[in-house]
C-alpha atoms as a PDB file:
ATOM      1  CA  MET A   1      13.588  -1.488   9.074  1.00  0.00           C
ATOM      2  CA  ARG A   2      12.214  -1.575   5.556  1.00  0.00           C
ATOM      3  CA  ARG A   3      14.422  -1.954   2.521  1.00  0.00           C
ATOM      4  CA  ILE A   4      14.612   1.239   0.490  1.00  0.00           C
ATOM      5  CA  PRO A   5      13.859   0.739  -3.224  1.00  0.00           C
ATOM      6  CA  LEU A   6      16.738   1.211  -5.633  1.00  0.00           C
ATOM      7  CA  GLU A   7      16.863   2.031  -9.335  1.00  0.00           C
ATOM      8  CA  SER A   8      18.168  -1.506  -9.924  1.00  0.00           C
ATOM      9  CA  ASP A   9      14.883  -2.858  -8.518  1.00  0.00           C
ATOM     10  CA  LEU A  10      12.987  -1.720 -11.619  1.00  0.00           C
ATOM     11  CA  PRO A  11      11.205  -4.582 -13.365  1.00  0.00           C
ATOM     12  CA  VAL A  12      12.396  -5.885 -16.712  1.00  0.00           C
ATOM     13  CA  ILE A  13      10.287  -4.634 -19.645  1.00  0.00           C
ATOM     14  CA  SER A  14       7.788  -7.283 -20.722  1.00  0.00           C
ATOM     15  CA  MET A  15       5.205  -7.515 -23.473  1.00  0.00           C
ATOM     16  CA  PHE A  16       3.121  -4.993 -21.496  1.00  0.00           C
ATOM     17  CA  SER A  17       5.539  -2.151 -22.165  1.00  0.00           C
ATOM     18  CA  ASP A  18       3.068   0.700 -21.544  1.00  0.00           C
ATOM     19  CA  ARG A  19       2.104  -0.768 -18.178  1.00  0.00           C
ATOM     20  CA  ASP A  20       5.748  -1.451 -17.371  1.00  0.00           C
ATOM     21  CA  ASN A  21       6.615   2.144 -18.233  1.00  0.00           C
ATOM     22  CA  THR A  22       3.968   3.328 -15.775  1.00  0.00           C
ATOM     23  CA  TYR A  23       5.196   1.039 -13.008  1.00  0.00           C
ATOM     24  CA  GLN A  24       8.785   2.058 -13.695  1.00  0.00           C
ATOM     25  CA  ALA A  25       7.791   5.727 -13.509  1.00  0.00           C
ATOM     26  CA  ILE A  26       6.109   5.101 -10.146  1.00  0.00           C
ATOM     27  CA  HIS A  27       9.178   3.299  -8.852  1.00  0.00           C
ATOM     28  CA  ARG A  28      11.538   6.020 -10.134  1.00  0.00           C
ATOM     29  CA  GLU A  29       9.390   8.618  -8.364  1.00  0.00           C
ATOM     30  CA  ARG A  30       9.722   6.695  -5.098  1.00  0.00           C
ATOM     31  CA  VAL A  31      13.489   6.551  -5.514  1.00  0.00           C
ATOM     32  CA  ARG A  32      13.605  10.281  -6.393  1.00  0.00           C
ATOM     33  CA  ALA A  33      11.409  11.324  -3.472  1.00  0.00           C
ATOM     34  CA  HIS A  34      13.365   9.186  -1.034  1.00  0.00           C
ATOM     35  CA  ALA A  35      16.679  10.670  -2.177  1.00  0.00           C
ATOM     36  CA  LYS A  36      15.228  14.169  -1.849  1.00  0.00           C
ATOM     37  CA  HIS A  37      13.781  13.736   1.644  1.00  0.00           C
ATOM     38  CA  VAL A  38      15.870  11.091   3.430  1.00  0.00           C
ATOM     39  CA  GLU A  39      18.595  13.381   4.774  1.00  0.00           C
ATOM     40  CA  LYS A  40      15.973  15.568   6.461  1.00  0.00           C
ATOM     41  CA  GLY A  41      14.367  12.477   7.978  1.00  0.00           C
ATOM     42  CA  LEU A  42      11.216  13.071   5.948  1.00  0.00           C
ATOM     43  CA  SER A  43      11.263  10.114   3.540  1.00  0.00           C
ATOM     44  CA  MET A  44       8.043   8.158   3.669  1.00  0.00           C
ATOM     45  CA  GLU A  45      10.032   5.053   2.723  1.00  0.00           C
ATOM     46  CA  ILE A  46      11.145   4.780   6.352  1.00  0.00           C
ATOM     47  CA  GLU A  47       7.794   5.549   8.015  1.00  0.00           C
ATOM     48  CA  ARG A  48       5.807   2.979   9.955  1.00  0.00           C
ATOM     49  CA  PRO A  49       2.544   2.105   8.162  1.00  0.00           C
ATOM     50  CA  ASP A  50       0.480   3.525  11.044  1.00  0.00           C
ATOM     51  CA  SER A  51       2.314   6.869  11.076  1.00  0.00           C
ATOM     52  CA  PRO A  52       0.008   9.915  11.099  1.00  0.00           C
ATOM     53  CA  ARG A  53       2.232  11.446   8.382  1.00  0.00           C
ATOM     54  CA  TRP A  54       0.914   9.222   5.571  1.00  0.00           C
ATOM     55  CA  LEU A  55      -2.497  10.796   5.087  1.00  0.00           C
ATOM     56  CA  PRO A  56      -1.430  14.457   4.922  1.00  0.00           C
ATOM     57  CA  VAL A  57       1.328  13.615   2.441  1.00  0.00           C
ATOM     58  CA  LEU A  58      -1.086  11.613   0.283  1.00  0.00           C
ATOM     59  CA  VAL A  59      -3.733  14.350   0.435  1.00  0.00           C
ATOM     60  CA  GLU A  60      -1.112  16.888  -0.654  1.00  0.00           C
ATOM     61  CA  GLU A  61      -0.362  14.731  -3.703  1.00  0.00           C
ATOM     62  CA  VAL A  62      -4.079  14.398  -4.504  1.00  0.00           C
ATOM     63  CA  GLY A  63      -4.384  18.178  -4.188  1.00  0.00           C
ATOM     64  CA  GLU A  64      -1.633  18.614  -6.764  1.00  0.00           C
ATOM     65  CA  VAL A  65      -3.579  16.379  -9.152  1.00  0.00           C
ATOM     66  CA  ALA A  66      -6.686  18.516  -8.546  1.00  0.00           C
ATOM     67  CA  ARG A  67      -4.706  21.689  -9.163  1.00  0.00           C
ATOM     68  CA  ALA A  68      -3.350  20.310 -12.440  1.00  0.00           C
ATOM     69  CA  LEU A  69      -6.912  19.546 -13.554  1.00  0.00           C
ATOM     70  CA  ASN A  70      -8.401  22.836 -12.373  1.00  0.00           C
ATOM     71  CA  ASP A  71      -5.627  24.889 -13.951  1.00  0.00           C
ATOM     72  CA  ASN A  72      -5.904  23.022 -17.257  1.00  0.00           C
ATOM     73  CA  GLU A  73      -2.242  22.067 -17.076  1.00  0.00           C
ATOM     74  CA  SER A  74      -0.719  19.882 -19.762  1.00  0.00           C
ATOM     75  CA  LEU A  75      -1.476  16.177 -19.841  1.00  0.00           C
ATOM     76  CA  GLY A  76       2.227  15.574 -19.246  1.00  0.00           C
ATOM     77  CA  ASN A  77       2.079  17.546 -15.996  1.00  0.00           C
ATOM     78  CA  LEU A  78      -1.147  15.793 -14.972  1.00  0.00           C
ATOM     79  CA  ARG A  79       0.598  12.451 -15.570  1.00  0.00           C
ATOM     80  CA  LYS A  80       3.568  13.603 -13.467  1.00  0.00           C
ATOM     81  CA  GLU A  81       1.259  14.518 -10.576  1.00  0.00           C
ATOM     82  CA  LEU A  82      -0.648  11.241 -10.880  1.00  0.00           C
ATOM     83  CA  ILE A  83       2.638   9.307 -10.826  1.00  0.00           C
ATOM     84  CA  GLN A  84       3.619  11.132  -7.611  1.00  0.00           C
ATOM     85  CA  CYS A  85       0.234  10.315  -6.092  1.00  0.00           C
ATOM     86  CA  ALA A  86       0.494   6.667  -7.174  1.00  0.00           C
ATOM     87  CA  ALA A  87       4.016   6.443  -5.747  1.00  0.00           C
ATOM     88  CA  MET A  88       2.721   7.541  -2.363  1.00  0.00           C
ATOM     89  CA  CYS A  89      -0.147   5.023  -2.510  1.00  0.00           C
ATOM     90  CA  VAL A  90       2.180   2.162  -3.460  1.00  0.00           C
ATOM     91  CA  ALA A  91       4.667   3.101  -0.742  1.00  0.00           C
ATOM     92  CA  TRP A  92       1.922   3.094   1.881  1.00  0.00           C
ATOM     93  CA  VAL A  93       0.478  -0.232   0.704  1.00  0.00           C
ATOM     94  CA  GLU A  94       3.929  -1.797   0.703  1.00  0.00           C
ATOM     95  CA  ALA A  95       4.560  -0.436   4.203  1.00  0.00           C
ATOM     96  CA  LEU A  96       1.380  -2.212   5.334  1.00  0.00           C
ATOM     97  CA  ASP A  97       2.454  -5.445   3.644  1.00  0.00           C
ATOM     98  CA  LEU A  98       5.806  -5.691   5.446  1.00  0.00           C
END
């Protein structure tokens, strides 16, 4: 079984603080999503990498990015949706790498 990421796993801030902030935001989103969905058995953090659930969940996140763009939502909301999409991509890649 895969290890579930924890808040304490966040990287230490380096000289690339903007990049680190982005990576930390992606990691925090994974932790948040896992906490939200784990009790219902829906956390992607515990899915096998070949599960048919990955693609629909990722496509839903991409759709939320598209909606934010089409609806001219704030850049802050667009960033939030992109972070959620990136979190799903990173989780899937890491599932493949285990």
